[in-house]
Each structure stands twice: as C-alpha cells, then as structure tokens.
Amino acid sequence: GTNGNRGQAVYGGSKAAVIGITKSLAKEL
C-alpha cells in the first residue's frame, strides 16, 4: 500500500486506501 508492486494493483490500492482512511480519521477524531 505504501510502495506498490507489480501484479498487485488491486491489493495495493485497497491498502493505500486504508492509509488514506487512517490519516483522515486521525485528523477527524
């Protein structure tokens, strides 16, 4: 999710989204 990897666009995208959620919720909460 932080670095990406060949053949893992779906998994990497889902985990990159988790990072975005983490940073946003940290500010909100």
PDB file of all heavy atoms in Angstrom:
ATOM      1  N   GLY A   1       0.801  -1.214   0.000  1.00  0.00           N
ATOM      2  CA  GLY A   1       0.000   0.000   0.000  1.00  0.00           C
ATOM      3  C   GLY A   1       0.834   1.264   0.000  1.00  0.00           C
ATOM      4  O   GLY A   1       0.394   2.315  -0.488  1.00  0.00           O
ATOM      5  N   THR A   2       2.041   1.191   0.551  1.00  0.00           N
ATOM      6  CA  THR A   2       2.918   2.367   0.591  1.00  0.00           C
ATOM      7  C   THR A   2       3.833   2.444  -0.631  1.00  0.00           C
ATOM      8  O   THR A   2       4.186   3.535  -1.077  1.00  0.00           O
ATOM      9  CB  THR A   2       3.794   2.369   1.861  1.00  0.00           C
ATOM     10  OG1 THR A   2       4.588   1.158   1.894  1.00  0.00           O
ATOM     11  CG2 THR A   2       2.937   2.434   3.112  1.00  0.00           C
ATOM     12  N   ASN A   3       4.228   1.295  -1.176  1.00  0.00           N
ATOM     13  CA  ASN A   3       5.214   1.269  -2.250  1.00  0.00           C
ATOM     14  C   ASN A   3       4.689   0.735  -3.580  1.00  0.00           C
ATOM     15  O   ASN A   3       5.300   0.977  -4.622  1.00  0.00           O
ATOM     16  CB  ASN A   3       6.418   0.406  -1.851  1.00  0.00           C
ATOM     17  CG  ASN A   3       7.246   1.030  -0.761  1.00  0.00           C
ATOM     18  OD1 ASN A   3       6.709   1.592   0.180  1.00  0.00           O
ATOM     19  ND2 ASN A   3       8.557   0.942  -0.860  1.00  0.00           N
ATOM     20  N   GLY A   4       3.589  -0.023  -3.546  1.00  0.00           N
ATOM     21  CA  GLY A   4       3.101  -0.654  -4.763  1.00  0.00           C
ATOM     22  C   GLY A   4       3.934  -1.861  -5.153  1.00  0.00           C
ATOM     23  O   GLY A   4       5.044  -2.066  -4.642  1.00  0.00           O
ATOM     24  N   ASN A   5       3.401  -2.685  -6.064  1.00  0.00           N
ATOM     25  CA  ASN A   5       4.136  -3.863  -6.523  1.00  0.00           C
ATOM     26  C   ASN A   5       3.501  -4.393  -7.800  1.00  0.00           C
ATOM     27  O   ASN A   5       2.285  -4.328  -7.972  1.00  0.00           O
ATOM     28  CB  ASN A   5       4.145  -4.960  -5.458  1.00  0.00           C
ATOM     29  CG  ASN A   5       5.209  -6.006  -5.718  1.00  0.00           C
ATOM     30  OD1 ASN A   5       6.276  -5.706  -6.250  1.00  0.00           O
ATOM     31  ND2 ASN A   5       4.934  -7.228  -5.332  1.00  0.00           N
ATOM     32  N   ARG A   6       4.304  -4.899  -8.669  1.00  0.00           N
ATOM     33  CA  ARG A   6       3.818  -5.470  -9.929  1.00  0.00           C
ATOM     34  C   ARG A   6       2.789  -6.570  -9.651  1.00  0.00           C
ATOM     35  O   ARG A   6       3.005  -7.434  -8.824  1.00  0.00           O
ATOM     36  CB  ARG A   6       4.997  -6.039 -10.714  1.00  0.00           C
ATOM     37  CG  ARG A   6       4.616  -6.738 -12.019  1.00  0.00           C
ATOM     38  CD  ARG A   6       5.850  -7.301 -12.689  1.00  0.00           C
ATOM     39  NE  ARG A   6       5.518  -8.009 -13.926  1.00  0.00           N
ATOM     40  CZ  ARG A   6       5.142  -9.279 -13.981  1.00  0.00           C
ATOM     41  NH1 ARG A   6       5.035  -9.986 -12.856  1.00  0.00           N
ATOM     42  NH2 ARG A   6       4.850  -9.847 -15.134  1.00  0.00           N
ATOM     43  N   GLY A   7       1.684  -6.534 -10.362  1.00  0.00           N
ATOM     44  CA  GLY A   7       0.674  -7.575 -10.228  1.00  0.00           C
ATOM     45  C   GLY A   7      -0.205  -7.436  -9.003  1.00  0.00           C
ATOM     46  O   GLY A   7      -1.002  -8.329  -8.704  1.00  0.00           O
ATOM     47  N   GLN A   8      -0.076  -6.320  -8.276  1.00  0.00           N
ATOM     48  CA  GLN A   8      -0.855  -6.156  -7.050  1.00  0.00           C
ATOM     49  C   GLN A   8      -1.565  -4.803  -7.005  1.00  0.00           C
ATOM     50  O   GLN A   8      -1.667  -4.178  -5.960  1.00  0.00           O
ATOM     51  CB  GLN A   8       0.039  -6.344  -5.824  1.00  0.00           C
ATOM     52  CG  GLN A   8       0.554  -7.767  -5.673  1.00  0.00           C
ATOM     53  CD  GLN A   8       1.219  -8.003  -4.334  1.00  0.00           C
ATOM     54  OE1 GLN A   8       2.325  -7.550  -4.089  1.00  0.00           O
ATOM     55  NE2 GLN A   8       0.529  -8.722  -3.464  1.00  0.00           N
ATOM     56  N   ALA A   9      -2.066  -4.377  -8.148  1.00  0.00           N
ATOM     57  CA  ALA A   9      -2.764  -3.089  -8.204  1.00  0.00           C
ATOM     58  C   ALA A   9      -4.008  -3.087  -7.332  1.00  0.00           C
ATOM     59  O   ALA A   9      -4.313  -2.087  -6.671  1.00  0.00           O
ATOM     60  CB  ALA A   9      -3.140  -2.758  -9.655  1.00  0.00           C
ATOM     61  N   VAL A  10      -4.728  -4.203  -7.310  1.00  0.00           N
ATOM     62  CA  VAL A  10      -5.968  -4.265  -6.537  1.00  0.00           C
ATOM     63  C   VAL A  10      -5.659  -4.282  -5.040  1.00  0.00           C
ATOM     64  O   VAL A  10      -6.181  -3.459  -4.271  1.00  0.00           O
ATOM     65  CB  VAL A  10      -6.804  -5.496  -6.930  1.00  0.00           C
ATOM     66  CG1 VAL A  10      -8.056  -5.588  -6.063  1.00  0.00           C
ATOM     67  CG2 VAL A  10      -7.187  -5.429  -8.398  1.00  0.00           C
ATOM     68  N   TYR A  11      -4.815  -5.199  -4.620  1.00  0.00           N
ATOM     69  CA  TYR A  11      -4.446  -5.287  -3.201  1.00  0.00           C
ATOM     70  C   TYR A  11      -3.760  -3.998  -2.745  1.00  0.00           C
ATOM     71  O   TYR A  11      -4.091  -3.440  -1.693  1.00  0.00           O
ATOM     72  CB  TYR A  11      -3.528  -6.478  -2.980  1.00  0.00           C
ATOM     73  CG  TYR A  11      -3.084  -6.669  -1.549  1.00  0.00           C
ATOM     74  CD1 TYR A  11      -3.956  -7.183  -0.590  1.00  0.00           C
ATOM     75  CD2 TYR A  11      -1.788  -6.332  -1.152  1.00  0.00           C
ATOM     76  CE1 TYR A  11      -3.545  -7.353   0.724  1.00  0.00           C
ATOM     77  CE2 TYR A  11      -1.377  -6.501   0.162  1.00  0.00           C
ATOM     78  CZ  TYR A  11      -2.258  -7.010   1.092  1.00  0.00           C
ATOM     79  OH  TYR A  11      -1.848  -7.169   2.401  1.00  0.00           O
ATOM     80  N   GLY A  12      -2.805  -3.523  -3.539  1.00  0.00           N
ATOM     81  CA  GLY A  12      -2.092  -2.291  -3.183  1.00  0.00           C
ATOM     82  C   GLY A  12      -3.031  -1.108  -3.091  1.00  0.00           C
ATOM     83  O   GLY A  12      -2.910  -0.266  -2.206  1.00  0.00           O
ATOM     84  N   GLY A  13      -3.989  -1.050  -4.014  1.00  0.00           N
ATOM     85  CA  GLY A  13      -4.959   0.036  -3.972  1.00  0.00           C
ATOM     86  C   GLY A  13      -5.817  -0.012  -2.733  1.00  0.00           C
ATOM     87  O   GLY A  13      -6.100   1.026  -2.108  1.00  0.00           O
ATOM     88  N   SER A  14      -6.234  -1.213  -2.345  1.00  0.00           N
ATOM     89  CA  SER A  14      -7.078  -1.350  -1.151  1.00  0.00           C
ATOM     90  C   SER A  14      -6.329  -0.951   0.111  1.00  0.00           C
ATOM     91  O   SER A  14      -6.897  -0.344   1.022  1.00  0.00           O
ATOM     92  CB  SER A  14      -7.598  -2.788  -1.026  1.00  0.00           C
ATOM     93  OG  SER A  14      -6.572  -3.700  -0.666  1.00  0.00           O
ATOM     94  N   LYS A  15      -5.038  -1.281   0.161  1.00  0.00           N
ATOM     95  CA  LYS A  15      -4.245  -0.953   1.345  1.00  0.00           C
ATOM     96  C   LYS A  15      -3.807   0.510   1.341  1.00  0.00           C
ATOM     97  O   LYS A  15      -3.660   1.126   2.400  1.00  0.00           O
ATOM     98  CB  LYS A  15      -3.033  -1.887   1.446  1.00  0.00           C
ATOM     99  CG  LYS A  15      -3.395  -3.318   1.805  1.00  0.00           C
ATOM    100  CD  LYS A  15      -4.062  -3.407   3.161  1.00  0.00           C
ATOM    101  CE  LYS A  15      -4.280  -4.829   3.605  1.00  0.00           C
ATOM    102  NZ  LYS A  15      -4.892  -4.927   4.969  1.00  0.00           N
ATOM    103  N   ALA A  16      -3.604   1.095   0.155  1.00  0.00           N
ATOM    104  CA  ALA A  16      -3.324   2.529   0.077  1.00  0.00           C
ATOM    105  C   ALA A  16      -4.535   3.317   0.567  1.00  0.00           C
ATOM    106  O   ALA A  16      -4.396   4.349   1.231  1.00  0.00           O
ATOM    107  CB  ALA A  16      -2.980   2.921  -1.355  1.00  0.00           C
ATOM    108  N   ALA A  17      -5.724   2.803   0.260  1.00  0.00           N
ATOM    109  CA  ALA A  17      -6.949   3.445   0.739  1.00  0.00           C
ATOM    110  C   ALA A  17      -7.024   3.391   2.255  1.00  0.00           C
ATOM    111  O   ALA A  17      -7.483   4.345   2.903  1.00  0.00           O
ATOM    112  CB  ALA A  17      -8.172   2.772   0.123  1.00  0.00           C
ATOM    113  N   VAL A  18      -6.578   2.296   2.846  1.00  0.00           N
ATOM    114  CA  VAL A  18      -6.559   2.183   4.308  1.00  0.00           C
ATOM    115  C   VAL A  18      -5.666   3.266   4.911  1.00  0.00           C
ATOM    116  O   VAL A  18      -5.992   3.844   5.958  1.00  0.00           O
ATOM    117  CB  VAL A  18      -6.071   0.779   4.739  1.00  0.00           C
ATOM    118  CG1 VAL A  18      -5.790   0.734   6.243  1.00  0.00           C
ATOM    119  CG2 VAL A  18      -7.109  -0.274   4.367  1.00  0.00           C
ATOM    120  N   ILE A  19      -4.564   3.551   4.249  1.00  0.00           N
ATOM    121  CA  ILE A  19      -3.675   4.606   4.736  1.00  0.00           C
ATOM    122  C   ILE A  19      -4.350   5.963   4.656  1.00  0.00           C
ATOM    123  O   ILE A  19      -4.270   6.783   5.584  1.00  0.00           O
ATOM    124  CB  ILE A  19      -2.359   4.594   3.937  1.00  0.00           C
ATOM    125  CG1 ILE A  19      -1.571   3.319   4.260  1.00  0.00           C
ATOM    126  CG2 ILE A  19      -1.521   5.842   4.235  1.00  0.00           C
ATOM    127  CD1 ILE A  19      -0.365   3.088   3.375  1.00  0.00           C
ATOM    128  N   GLY A  20      -5.063   6.222   3.574  1.00  0.00           N
ATOM    129  CA  GLY A  20      -5.795   7.480   3.446  1.00  0.00           C
ATOM    130  C   GLY A  20      -6.880   7.612   4.501  1.00  0.00           C
ATOM    131  O   GLY A  20      -7.087   8.700   5.077  1.00  0.00           O
ATOM    132  N   ILE A  21      -7.561   6.508   4.778  1.00  0.00           N
ATOM    133  CA  ILE A  21      -8.586   6.489   5.825  1.00  0.00           C
ATOM    134  C   ILE A  21      -7.944   6.778   7.179  1.00  0.00           C
ATOM    135  O   ILE A  21      -8.471   7.558   7.987  1.00  0.00           O
ATOM    136  CB  ILE A  21      -9.304   5.123   5.853  1.00  0.00           C
ATOM    137  CG1 ILE A  21     -10.161   4.947   4.592  1.00  0.00           C
ATOM    138  CG2 ILE A  21     -10.171   4.984   7.105  1.00  0.00           C
ATOM    139  CD1 ILE A  21     -10.664   3.532   4.388  1.00  0.00           C
ATOM    140  N   THR A  22      -6.810   6.157   7.428  1.00  0.00           N
ATOM    141  CA  THR A  22      -6.099   6.344   8.697  1.00  0.00           C
ATOM    142  C   THR A  22      -5.762   7.806   8.936  1.00  0.00           C
ATOM    143  O   THR A  22      -6.038   8.371  10.007  1.00  0.00           O
ATOM    144  CB  THR A  22      -4.802   5.510   8.707  1.00  0.00           C
ATOM    145  OG1 THR A  22      -5.127   4.122   8.589  1.00  0.00           O
ATOM    146  CG2 THR A  22      -4.004   5.749   9.983  1.00  0.00           C
ATOM    147  N   LYS A  23      -5.175   8.449   7.953  1.00  0.00           N
ATOM    148  CA  LYS A  23      -4.761   9.841   8.105  1.00  0.00           C
ATOM    149  C   LYS A  23      -5.955  10.785   8.240  1.00  0.00           C
ATOM    150  O   LYS A  23      -5.913  11.754   9.007  1.00  0.00           O
ATOM    151  CB  LYS A  23      -3.891  10.239   6.908  1.00  0.00           C
ATOM    152  CG  LYS A  23      -2.517   9.560   6.913  1.00  0.00           C
ATOM    153  CD  LYS A  23      -1.680   9.978   5.727  1.00  0.00           C
ATOM    154  CE  LYS A  23      -0.284   9.375   5.795  1.00  0.00           C
ATOM    155  NZ  LYS A  23       0.519   9.897   6.909  1.00  0.00           N
ATOM    156  N   SER A  24      -7.018  10.488   7.512  1.00  0.00           N
ATOM    157  CA  SER A  24      -8.208  11.330   7.596  1.00  0.00           C
ATOM    158  C   SER A  24      -8.912  11.179   8.944  1.00  0.00           C
ATOM    159  O   SER A  24      -9.311  12.171   9.569  1.00  0.00           O
ATOM    160  CB  SER A  24      -9.170  10.987   6.456  1.00  0.00           C
ATOM    161  OG  SER A  24      -8.595  11.292   5.199  1.00  0.00           O
ATOM    162  N   LEU A  25      -9.074   9.935   9.401  1.00  0.00           N
ATOM    163  CA  LEU A  25      -9.723   9.712  10.696  1.00  0.00           C
ATOM    164  C   LEU A  25      -8.898  10.272  11.835  1.00  0.00           C
ATOM    165  O   LEU A  25      -9.447  10.750  12.834  1.00  0.00           O
ATOM    166  CB  LEU A  25      -9.977   8.224  10.917  1.00  0.00           C
ATOM    167  CG  LEU A  25     -11.094   7.572  10.100  1.00  0.00           C
ATOM    168  CD1 LEU A  25     -11.228   6.099  10.470  1.00  0.00           C
ATOM    169  CD2 LEU A  25     -12.418   8.284  10.315  1.00  0.00           C
ATOM    170  N   ALA A  26      -7.573  10.217  11.704  1.00  0.00           N
ATOM    171  CA  ALA A  26      -6.709  10.769  12.756  1.00  0.00           C
ATOM    172  C   ALA A  26      -7.006  12.248  12.952  1.00  0.00           C
ATOM    173  O   ALA A  26      -7.076  12.744  14.086  1.00  0.00           O
ATOM    174  CB  ALA A  26      -5.246  10.561  12.396  1.00  0.00           C
ATOM    175  N   LYS A  27      -7.191  12.971  11.865  1.00  0.00           N
ATOM    176  CA  LYS A  27      -7.498  14.400  11.950  1.00  0.00           C
ATOM    177  C   LYS A  27      -8.906  14.636  12.467  1.00  0.00           C
ATOM    178  O   LYS A  27      -9.159  15.553  13.251  1.00  0.00           O
ATOM    179  CB  LYS A  27      -7.311  15.042  10.578  1.00  0.00           C
ATOM    180  CG  LYS A  27      -5.864  15.068  10.121  1.00  0.00           C
ATOM    181  CD  LYS A  27      -5.716  15.700   8.747  1.00  0.00           C
ATOM    182  CE  LYS A  27      -4.238  15.740   8.345  1.00  0.00           C
ATOM    183  NZ  LYS A  27      -4.047  16.343   7.003  1.00  0.00           N
ATOM    184  N   GLU A  28      -9.840  13.806  12.023  1.00  0.00           N
ATOM    185  CA  GLU A  28     -11.234  13.985  12.422  1.00  0.00           C
ATOM    186  C   GLU A  28     -11.478  13.654  13.885  1.00  0.00           C
ATOM    187  O   GLU A  28     -12.261  14.336  14.570  1.00  0.00           O
ATOM    188  CB  GLU A  28     -12.124  13.100  11.547  1.00  0.00           C
ATOM    189  CG  GLU A  28     -13.608  13.167  11.883  1.00  0.00           C
ATOM    190  CD  GLU A  28     -14.445  12.301  10.959  1.00  0.00           C
ATOM    191  OE1 GLU A  28     -14.002  12.022   9.823  1.00  0.00           O
ATOM    192  OE2 GLU A  28     -15.546  11.904  11.367  1.00  0.00           O
ATOM    193  N   LEU A  29     -10.800  12.625  14.386  1.00  0.00           N
ATOM    194  CA  LEU A  29     -11.106  12.112  15.721  1.00  0.00           C
ATOM    195  C   LEU A  29     -10.170  12.602  16.821  1.00  0.00           C
ATOM    196  O   LEU A  29     -10.410  12.328  17.998  1.00  0.00           O
ATOM    197  CB  LEU A  29     -11.097  10.572  15.695  1.00  0.00           C
ATOM    198  CG  LEU A  29     -12.116   9.917  14.745  1.00  0.00           C
ATOM    199  CD1 LEU A  29     -11.929   8.404  14.731  1.00  0.00           C
ATOM    200  CD2 LEU A  29     -13.541  10.273  15.149  1.00  0.00           C
TER     201      LEU A  29
END
